[in-house]
PDB file of N, CA and C in Angstrom:
ATOM      1  N   MET A   1      14.474 -20.451 -14.903  1.00  0.00           N
ATOM      2  CA  MET A   1      13.766 -19.518 -14.260  1.00  0.00           C
ATOM      3  C   MET A   1      14.650 -18.427 -13.637  1.00  0.00           C
ATOM      4  N   VAL A   2      13.945 -17.590 -13.153  1.00  0.00           N
ATOM      5  CA  VAL A   2      14.443 -16.221 -12.762  1.00  0.00           C
ATOM      6  C   VAL A   2      13.605 -16.061 -11.317  1.00  0.00           C
ATOM      7  N   LYS A   3      14.605 -15.750 -10.411  1.00  0.00           N
ATOM      8  CA  LYS A   3      14.428 -15.355  -8.883  1.00  0.00           C
ATOM      9  C   LYS A   3      14.773 -13.662  -8.528  1.00  0.00           C
ATOM     10  N   ASN A   4      14.008 -12.948  -7.814  1.00  0.00           N
ATOM     11  CA  ASN A   4      14.063 -11.601  -7.349  1.00  0.00           C
ATOM     12  C   ASN A   4      14.352 -12.112  -6.095  1.00  0.00           C
ATOM     13  N   ILE A   5      15.950 -11.688  -6.068  1.00  0.00           N
ATOM     14  CA  ILE A   5      16.378 -11.600  -4.668  1.00  0.00           C
ATOM     15  C   ILE A   5      16.954  -9.852  -4.019  1.00  0.00           C
ATOM     16  N   GLY A   6      16.463  -9.293  -4.685  1.00  0.00           N
ATOM     17  CA  GLY A   6      16.897  -8.104  -4.555  1.00  0.00           C
ATOM     18  C   GLY A   6      16.049  -7.459  -3.253  1.00  0.00           C
ATOM     19  N   SER A   7      16.295  -6.408  -3.093  1.00  0.00           N
ATOM     20  CA  SER A   7      15.337  -5.982  -1.627  1.00  0.00           C
ATOM     21  C   SER A   7      14.311  -5.003  -2.082  1.00  0.00           C
ATOM     22  N   ASP A   8      14.081  -4.774  -3.564  1.00  0.00           N
ATOM     23  CA  ASP A   8      13.155  -4.671  -4.098  1.00  0.00           C
ATOM     24  C   ASP A   8      11.672  -5.256  -4.601  1.00  0.00           C
ATOM     25  N   ARG A   9      11.779  -6.300  -3.758  1.00  0.00           N
ATOM     26  CA  ARG A   9      10.870  -7.469  -3.864  1.00  0.00           C
ATOM     27  C   ARG A   9       9.483  -7.311  -3.528  1.00  0.00           C
ATOM     28  N   ALA A  10       8.844  -7.464  -4.171  1.00  0.00           N
ATOM     29  CA  ALA A  10       7.008  -7.255  -3.987  1.00  0.00           C
ATOM     30  C   ALA A  10       6.891  -8.042  -2.411  1.00  0.00           C
ATOM     31  N   LYS A  11       5.582  -7.292  -1.849  1.00  0.00           N
ATOM     32  CA  LYS A  11       5.355  -7.635  -0.434  1.00  0.00           C
ATOM     33  C   LYS A  11       3.591  -8.242  -0.408  1.00  0.00           C
ATOM     34  N   SER A  12       3.547  -8.461   0.280  1.00  0.00           N
ATOM     35  CA  SER A  12       2.221  -9.162   0.010  1.00  0.00           C
ATOM     36  C   SER A  12       0.994  -7.826   0.446  1.00  0.00           C
ATOM     37  N   ILE A  13      -0.427  -8.223   0.141  1.00  0.00           N
ATOM     38  CA  ILE A  13      -1.045  -6.966   0.294  1.00  0.00           C
ATOM     39  C   ILE A  13      -1.426  -6.626   1.975  1.00  0.00           C
ATOM     40  N   GLY A  14      -1.028  -7.919   2.588  1.00  0.00           N
ATOM     41  CA  GLY A  14      -1.189  -7.772   4.043  1.00  0.00           C
ATOM     42  C   GLY A  14      -0.091  -6.835   4.992  1.00  0.00           C
ATOM     43  N   TYR A  15       0.829  -6.843   4.088  1.00  0.00           N
ATOM     44  CA  TYR A  15       2.141  -5.788   4.689  1.00  0.00           C
ATOM     45  C   TYR A  15       1.212  -4.267   4.816  1.00  0.00           C
ATOM     46  N   PHE A  16       0.754  -4.394   3.030  1.00  0.00           N
ATOM     47  CA  PHE A  16       0.680  -2.826   3.047  1.00  0.00           C
ATOM     48  C   PHE A  16      -0.556  -2.446   3.958  1.00  0.00           C
ATOM     49  N   ILE A  17      -1.456  -3.606   4.187  1.00  0.00           N
ATOM     50  CA  ILE A  17      -2.796  -3.024   5.193  1.00  0.00           C
ATOM     51  C   ILE A  17      -2.236  -2.777   6.422  1.00  0.00           C
ATOM     52  N   ASN A  18      -1.173  -3.530   6.856  1.00  0.00           N
ATOM     53  CA  ASN A  18      -0.868  -3.316   8.041  1.00  0.00           C
ATOM     54  C   ASN A  18      -0.124  -1.751   8.379  1.00  0.00           C
ATOM     55  N   ILE A  19       0.556  -1.353   7.223  1.00  0.00           N
ATOM     56  CA  ILE A  19       0.604  -0.140   7.159  1.00  0.00           C
ATOM     57  C   ILE A  19       0.101   0.795   7.122  1.00  0.00           C
ATOM     58  N   ILE A  20      -1.113   0.809   6.591  1.00  0.00           N
ATOM     59  CA  ILE A  20      -2.440   1.988   6.434  1.00  0.00           C
ATOM     60  C   ILE A  20      -3.342   1.776   7.920  1.00  0.00           C
ATOM     61  N   SER A  21      -3.087   0.379   8.568  1.00  0.00           N
ATOM     62  CA  SER A  21      -3.438   0.563   9.895  1.00  0.00           C
ATOM     63  C   SER A  21      -2.766   1.198  10.893  1.00  0.00           C
ATOM     64  N   LEU A  22      -1.306   1.070  10.442  1.00  0.00           N
ATOM     65  CA  LEU A  22      -0.407   1.984  11.110  1.00  0.00           C
ATOM     66  C   LEU A  22      -0.812   3.417  11.187  1.00  0.00           C
ATOM     67  N   ILE A  23      -0.930   4.087   9.534  1.00  0.00           N
ATOM     68  CA  ILE A  23      -1.168   5.639   9.541  1.00  0.00           C
ATOM     69  C   ILE A  23      -2.779   5.965  10.314  1.00  0.00           C
ATOM     70  N   ASP A  24      -3.688   4.943  10.135  1.00  0.00           N
ATOM     71  CA  ASP A  24      -4.768   5.193  10.670  1.00  0.00           C
ATOM     72  C   ASP A  24      -4.336   5.473  12.834  1.00  0.00           C
ATOM     73  N   LYS A  25      -3.834   4.833  13.395  1.00  0.00           N
ATOM     74  CA  LYS A  25      -3.594   4.882  14.684  1.00  0.00           C
ATOM     75  C   LYS A  25      -2.974   5.916  14.655  1.00  0.00           C
ATOM     76  N   LYS A  26      -2.016   6.699  13.913  1.00  0.00           N
ATOM     77  CA  LYS A  26      -1.066   7.714  14.497  1.00  0.00           C
ATOM     78  C   LYS A  26      -1.853   8.971  14.031  1.00  0.00           C
ATOM     79  N   LEU A  27      -2.227   9.003  13.097  1.00  0.00           N
ATOM     80  CA  LEU A  27      -3.228  10.039  12.651  1.00  0.00           C
ATOM     81  C   LEU A  27      -4.454  10.636  13.318  1.00  0.00           C
ATOM     82  N   LYS A  28      -5.069   9.074  13.562  1.00  0.00           N
ATOM     83  CA  LYS A  28      -6.708   9.010  14.352  1.00  0.00           C
ATOM     84  C   LYS A  28      -7.614   9.812  13.460  1.00  0.00           C
ATOM     85  N   LEU A  29      -7.580   9.464  12.114  1.00  0.00           N
ATOM     86  CA  LEU A  29      -8.797   9.968  11.179  1.00  0.00           C
ATOM     87  C   LEU A  29     -10.121   9.168  11.249  1.00  0.00           C
ATOM     88  N   PRO A  30     -11.214  10.193  11.186  1.00  0.00           N
ATOM     89  CA  PRO A  30     -12.356   9.107  11.340  1.00  0.00           C
ATOM     90  C   PRO A  30     -12.809   8.634  10.101  1.00  0.00           C
ATOM     91  N   GLY A  31     -13.859   7.661  10.255  1.00  0.00           N
ATOM     92  CA  GLY A  31     -13.713   6.791   9.000  1.00  0.00           C
ATOM     93  C   GLY A  31     -13.134   5.813   8.639  1.00  0.00           C
ATOM     94  N   SER A  32     -12.085   5.604   9.284  1.00  0.00           N
ATOM     95  CA  SER A  32     -10.825   5.039   8.390  1.00  0.00           C
ATOM     96  C   SER A  32     -10.906   3.193   8.157  1.00  0.00           C
ATOM     97  N   SER A  33     -12.037   2.765   8.774  1.00  0.00           N
ATOM     98  CA  SER A  33     -12.127   1.317   8.605  1.00  0.00           C
ATOM     99  C   SER A  33     -12.694   1.341   6.974  1.00  0.00           C
ATOM    100  N   VAL A  34     -13.696   2.353   7.094  1.00  0.00           N
ATOM    101  CA  VAL A  34     -14.259   2.237   5.829  1.00  0.00           C
ATOM    102  C   VAL A  34     -13.394   2.576   4.578  1.00  0.00           C
ATOM    103  N   ARG A  35     -12.576   3.445   4.462  1.00  0.00           N
ATOM    104  CA  ARG A  35     -11.271   3.889   3.613  1.00  0.00           C
ATOM    105  C   ARG A  35     -10.249   2.466   3.493  1.00  0.00           C
ATOM    106  N   MET A  36     -10.174   2.160   4.659  1.00  0.00           N
ATOM    107  CA  MET A  36      -8.988   0.781   4.620  1.00  0.00           C
ATOM    108  C   MET A  36      -9.852  -0.142   3.459  1.00  0.00           C
ATOM    109  N   ARG A  37     -11.267  -0.522   3.589  1.00  0.00           N
ATOM    110  CA  ARG A  37     -11.798  -1.497   2.938  1.00  0.00           C
ATOM    111  C   ARG A  37     -11.985  -1.218   1.571  1.00  0.00           C
ATOM    112  N   LEU A  38     -11.958   0.127   1.136  1.00  0.00           N
ATOM    113  CA  LEU A  38     -11.914   0.750   0.050  1.00  0.00           C
ATOM    114  C   LEU A  38     -10.561   0.522  -0.640  1.00  0.00           C
ATOM    115  N   ILE A  39      -9.903   0.490  -0.173  1.00  0.00           N
ATOM    116  CA  ILE A  39      -8.241   0.496  -0.545  1.00  0.00           C
ATOM    117  C   ILE A  39      -8.169  -1.050  -0.531  1.00  0.00           C
ATOM    118  N   ALA A  40      -8.550  -1.683   0.182  1.00  0.00           N
ATOM    119  CA  ALA A  40      -8.221  -3.290   0.007  1.00  0.00           C
ATOM    120  C   ALA A  40      -9.143  -3.841  -1.132  1.00  0.00           C
ATOM    121  N   LYS A  41     -10.306  -3.526  -1.308  1.00  0.00           N
ATOM    122  CA  LYS A  41     -10.739  -3.779  -2.940  1.00  0.00           C
ATOM    123  C   LYS A  41     -10.235  -3.328  -3.957  1.00  0.00           C
ATOM    124  N   ASP A  42      -9.666  -2.213  -3.708  1.00  0.00           N
ATOM    125  CA  ASP A  42      -8.864  -1.349  -5.065  1.00  0.00           C
ATOM    126  C   ASP A  42      -7.715  -2.507  -5.210  1.00  0.00           C
ATOM    127  N   LEU A  43      -6.826  -2.679  -4.091  1.00  0.00           N
ATOM    128  CA  LEU A  43      -5.848  -3.668  -4.230  1.00  0.00           C
ATOM    129  C   LEU A  43      -6.415  -4.800  -4.603  1.00  0.00           C
ATOM    130  N   GLU A  44      -7.131  -5.284  -5.173  1.00  0.00           N
ATOM    131  CA  GLU A  44      -7.847  -7.024  -4.949  1.00  0.00           C
ATOM    132  C   GLU A  44      -7.489  -6.723  -6.607  1.00  0.00           C
ATOM    133  N   LYS A  45      -8.243  -5.455  -6.803  1.00  0.00           N
ATOM    134  CA  LYS A  45      -8.391  -5.567  -8.505  1.00  0.00           C
ATOM    135  C   LYS A  45      -7.595  -5.373  -9.093  1.00  0.00           C
ATOM    136  N   ILE A  46      -6.387  -4.764  -8.702  1.00  0.00           N
ATOM    137  CA  ILE A  46      -4.736  -5.158  -9.201  1.00  0.00           C
ATOM    138  C   ILE A  46      -4.336  -6.023  -9.939  1.00  0.00           C
ATOM    139  N   GLU A  47      -4.251  -6.399 -11.199  1.00  0.00           N
ATOM    140  CA  GLU A  47      -3.725  -7.565 -11.281  1.00  0.00           C
ATOM    141  C   GLU A  47      -2.355  -7.718 -11.417  1.00  0.00           C
ATOM    142  N   ASN A  48      -1.826  -8.711 -10.408  1.00  0.00           N
ATOM    143  CA  ASN A  48      -0.316  -9.225 -10.231  1.00  0.00           C
ATOM    144  C   ASN A  48       0.029  -8.399  -9.213  1.00  0.00           C
ATOM    145  N   PHE A  49      -0.591  -7.353  -8.132  1.00  0.00           N
ATOM    146  CA  PHE A  49      -0.155  -6.557  -7.344  1.00  0.00           C
ATOM    147  C   PHE A  49       1.060  -7.125  -6.322  1.00  0.00           C
ATOM    148  N   ASP A  50       0.454  -8.626  -6.003  1.00  0.00           N
ATOM    149  CA  ASP A  50       1.563  -8.865  -4.867  1.00  0.00           C
ATOM    150  C   ASP A  50       2.246 -10.195  -5.722  1.00  0.00           C
ATOM    151  N   ASP A  51       2.467 -10.125  -6.582  1.00  0.00           N
ATOM    152  CA  ASP A  51       3.302 -11.239  -7.532  1.00  0.00           C
ATOM    153  C   ASP A  51       4.807 -10.550  -7.875  1.00  0.00           C
ATOM    154  N   GLY A  52       5.942 -11.105  -6.879  1.00  0.00           N
ATOM    155  CA  GLY A  52       7.070 -10.938  -6.863  1.00  0.00           C
ATOM    156  C   GLY A  52       7.939 -10.602  -8.284  1.00  0.00           C
ATOM    157  N   TYR A  53       7.271 -11.512  -8.919  1.00  0.00           N
ATOM    158  CA  TYR A  53       7.910 -11.169 -10.562  1.00  0.00           C
ATOM    159  C   TYR A  53       7.372 -10.231 -11.146  1.00  0.00           C
ATOM    160  N   ALA A  54       6.124  -9.896 -11.078  1.00  0.00           N
ATOM    161  CA  ALA A  54       5.572  -8.737 -11.686  1.00  0.00           C
ATOM    162  C   ALA A  54       5.766  -7.736 -11.320  1.00  0.00           C
ATOM    163  N   MET A  55       5.950  -7.317 -10.393  1.00  0.00           N
ATOM    164  CA  MET A  55       5.672  -6.082  -9.795  1.00  0.00           C
ATOM    165  C   MET A  55       6.854  -5.993  -8.479  1.00  0.00           C
ATOM    166  N   SER A  56       7.551  -4.488  -8.854  1.00  0.00           N
ATOM    167  CA  SER A  56       8.518  -4.254  -7.724  1.00  0.00           C
ATOM    168  C   SER A  56       7.841  -3.764  -6.589  1.00  0.00           C
ATOM    169  N   ARG A  57       8.679  -3.704  -5.275  1.00  0.00           N
ATOM    170  CA  ARG A  57       8.107  -2.949  -4.386  1.00  0.00           C
ATOM    171  C   ARG A  57       7.799  -1.502  -4.279  1.00  0.00           C
ATOM    172  N   TYR A  58       8.814  -0.753  -5.049  1.00  0.00           N
ATOM    173  CA  TYR A  58       8.590   0.535  -5.383  1.00  0.00           C
ATOM    174  C   TYR A  58       7.167   0.636  -6.305  1.00  0.00           C
ATOM    175  N   GLY A  59       6.908  -0.019  -7.292  1.00  0.00           N
ATOM    176  CA  GLY A  59       5.730  -0.004  -7.702  1.00  0.00           C
ATOM    177  C   GLY A  59       4.330  -0.069  -7.030  1.00  0.00           C
ATOM    178  N   GLN A  60       4.739  -1.369  -6.150  1.00  0.00           N
ATOM    179  CA  GLN A  60       3.607  -1.330  -5.044  1.00  0.00           C
ATOM    180  C   GLN A  60       3.370   0.030  -4.123  1.00  0.00           C
ATOM    181  N   GLU A  61       4.766   0.789  -4.364  1.00  0.00           N
ATOM    182  CA  GLU A  61       4.436   1.489  -2.972  1.00  0.00           C
ATOM    183  C   GLU A  61       3.825   3.166  -3.851  1.00  0.00           C
ATOM    184  N   LYS A  62       4.154   3.116  -5.174  1.00  0.00           N
ATOM    185  CA  LYS A  62       3.407   3.673  -5.785  1.00  0.00           C
ATOM    186  C   LYS A  62       2.064   4.195  -5.934  1.00  0.00           C
ATOM    187  N   ILE A  63       1.771   2.901  -5.945  1.00  0.00           N
ATOM    188  CA  ILE A  63       0.065   2.560  -6.032  1.00  0.00           C
ATOM    189  C   ILE A  63      -0.223   2.987  -4.693  1.00  0.00           C
ATOM    190  N   ILE A  64       0.260   2.238  -3.613  1.00  0.00           N
ATOM    191  CA  ILE A  64      -0.347   2.836  -2.504  1.00  0.00           C
ATOM    192  C   ILE A  64      -0.715   4.212  -2.097  1.00  0.00           C
ATOM    193  N   ILE A  65       0.482   4.446  -2.209  1.00  0.00           N
ATOM    194  CA  ILE A  65       0.762   6.086  -2.275  1.00  0.00           C
ATOM    195  C   ILE A  65      -0.646   6.995  -2.728  1.00  0.00           C
ATOM    196  N   GLY A  66      -0.726   6.491  -3.992  1.00  0.00           N
ATOM    197  CA  GLY A  66      -2.101   7.161  -5.067  1.00  0.00           C
ATOM    198  C   GLY A  66      -3.044   6.946  -4.100  1.00  0.00           C
ATOM    199  N   LEU A  67      -3.541   5.487  -3.744  1.00  0.00           N
ATOM    200  CA  LEU A  67      -4.449   5.441  -3.224  1.00  0.00           C
ATOM    201  C   LEU A  67      -4.955   5.897  -1.716  1.00  0.00           C
ATOM    202  N   LEU A  68      -3.595   6.156  -0.781  1.00  0.00           N
ATOM    203  CA  LEU A  68      -3.603   6.747   0.120  1.00  0.00           C
ATOM    204  C   LEU A  68      -4.136   8.268  -0.050  1.00  0.00           C
ATOM    205  N   LYS A  69      -3.461   8.923  -1.079  1.00  0.00           N
ATOM    206  CA  LYS A  69      -3.880  10.361  -1.564  1.00  0.00           C
ATOM    207  C   LYS A  69      -5.380  10.423  -1.730  1.00  0.00           C
ATOM    208  N   LYS A  70      -5.703   9.297  -2.328  1.00  0.00           N
ATOM    209  CA  LYS A  70      -6.947   9.223  -3.126  1.00  0.00           C
ATOM    210  C   LYS A  70      -8.093   9.343  -2.033  1.00  0.00           C
ATOM    211  N   TYR A  71      -7.978   8.563  -0.775  1.00  0.00           N
ATOM    212  CA  TYR A  71      -9.066   8.214   0.160  1.00  0.00           C
ATOM    213  C   TYR A  71      -8.882   8.788   1.198  1.00  0.00           C
ATOM    214  N   TYR A  72      -7.433   9.055   1.679  1.00  0.00           N
ATOM    215  CA  TYR A  72      -7.353   9.951   2.775  1.00  0.00           C
ATOM    216  C   TYR A  72      -7.001  11.317   2.564  1.00  0.00           C
ATOM    217  N   HIS A  73      -6.347  11.806   1.685  1.00  0.00           N
ATOM    218  CA  HIS A  73      -6.350  13.067   1.359  1.00  0.00           C
ATOM    219  C   HIS A  73      -5.223  13.922   2.142  1.00  0.00           C
ATOM    220  N   ILE A  74      -4.020  13.245   2.339  1.00  0.00           N
ATOM    221  CA  ILE A  74      -2.995  13.395   3.472  1.00  0.00           C
ATOM    222  C   ILE A  74      -1.495  13.704   2.053  1.00  0.00           C
ATOM    223  N   PRO A  75      -0.493  14.377   2.591  1.00  0.00           N
ATOM    224  CA  PRO A  75       0.413  14.708   1.656  1.00  0.00           C
ATOM    225  C   PRO A  75       1.075  13.464   1.467  1.00  0.00           C
ATOM    226  N   GLU A  76       1.750  13.192   0.186  1.00  0.00           N
ATOM    227  CA  GLU A  76       2.776  12.495   0.028  1.00  0.00           C
ATOM    228  C   GLU A  76       4.224  12.096   1.113  1.00  0.00           C
ATOM    229  N   ARG A  77       4.568  13.487   1.621  1.00  0.00           N
ATOM    230  CA  ARG A  77       5.574  13.484   2.782  1.00  0.00           C
ATOM    231  C   ARG A  77       5.238  12.358   3.564  1.00  0.00           C
ATOM    232  N   THR A  78       3.935  12.942   4.121  1.00  0.00           N
ATOM    233  CA  THR A  78       3.550  12.107   5.380  1.00  0.00           C
ATOM    234  C   THR A  78       3.213  10.776   5.129  1.00  0.00           C
ATOM    235  N   ILE A  79       3.075  10.222   4.130  1.00  0.00           N
ATOM    236  CA  ILE A  79       2.585   8.894   3.910  1.00  0.00           C
ATOM    237  C   ILE A  79       4.303   8.091   3.483  1.00  0.00           C
ATOM    238  N   GLN A  80       5.287   9.008   3.152  1.00  0.00           N
ATOM    239  CA  GLN A  80       6.521   8.094   2.720  1.00  0.00           C
ATOM    240  C   GLN A  80       7.386   7.857   4.454  1.00  0.00           C
ATOM    241  N   GLU A  81       6.890   8.684   5.230  1.00  0.00           N
ATOM    242  CA  GLU A  81       7.137   8.452   6.640  1.00  0.00           C
ATOM    243  C   GLU A  81       7.079   6.849   7.106  1.00  0.00           C
ATOM    244  N   PHE A  82       5.822   6.549   6.677  1.00  0.00           N
ATOM    245  CA  PHE A  82       5.600   4.982   7.329  1.00  0.00           C
ATOM    246  C   PHE A  82       5.990   3.818   6.428  1.00  0.00           C
ATOM    247  N   PHE A  83       6.807   4.354   5.507  1.00  0.00           N
ATOM    248  CA  PHE A  83       7.126   3.308   4.662  1.00  0.00           C
ATOM    249  C   PHE A  83       8.712   2.897   5.025  1.00  0.00           C
TER     250      PHE A  83
END
């Protein structure tokens, strides 16, 4: 049996949706609910996104950052402040 006990353990999709919601509230961007739904749909399409054994938190963050840059057009440095 393999058990990931490190701090780089994968998080659930809800964890990242909460971060996106926090970004929306802080930056007050228009059309945020639509963008959030698009990101949620993209995350659901990614196989094993919230699997603690197949994906690391670092890998998840890179995917989230890519999606946020795609839909929100904000710099990576701004996104990193919320993690």
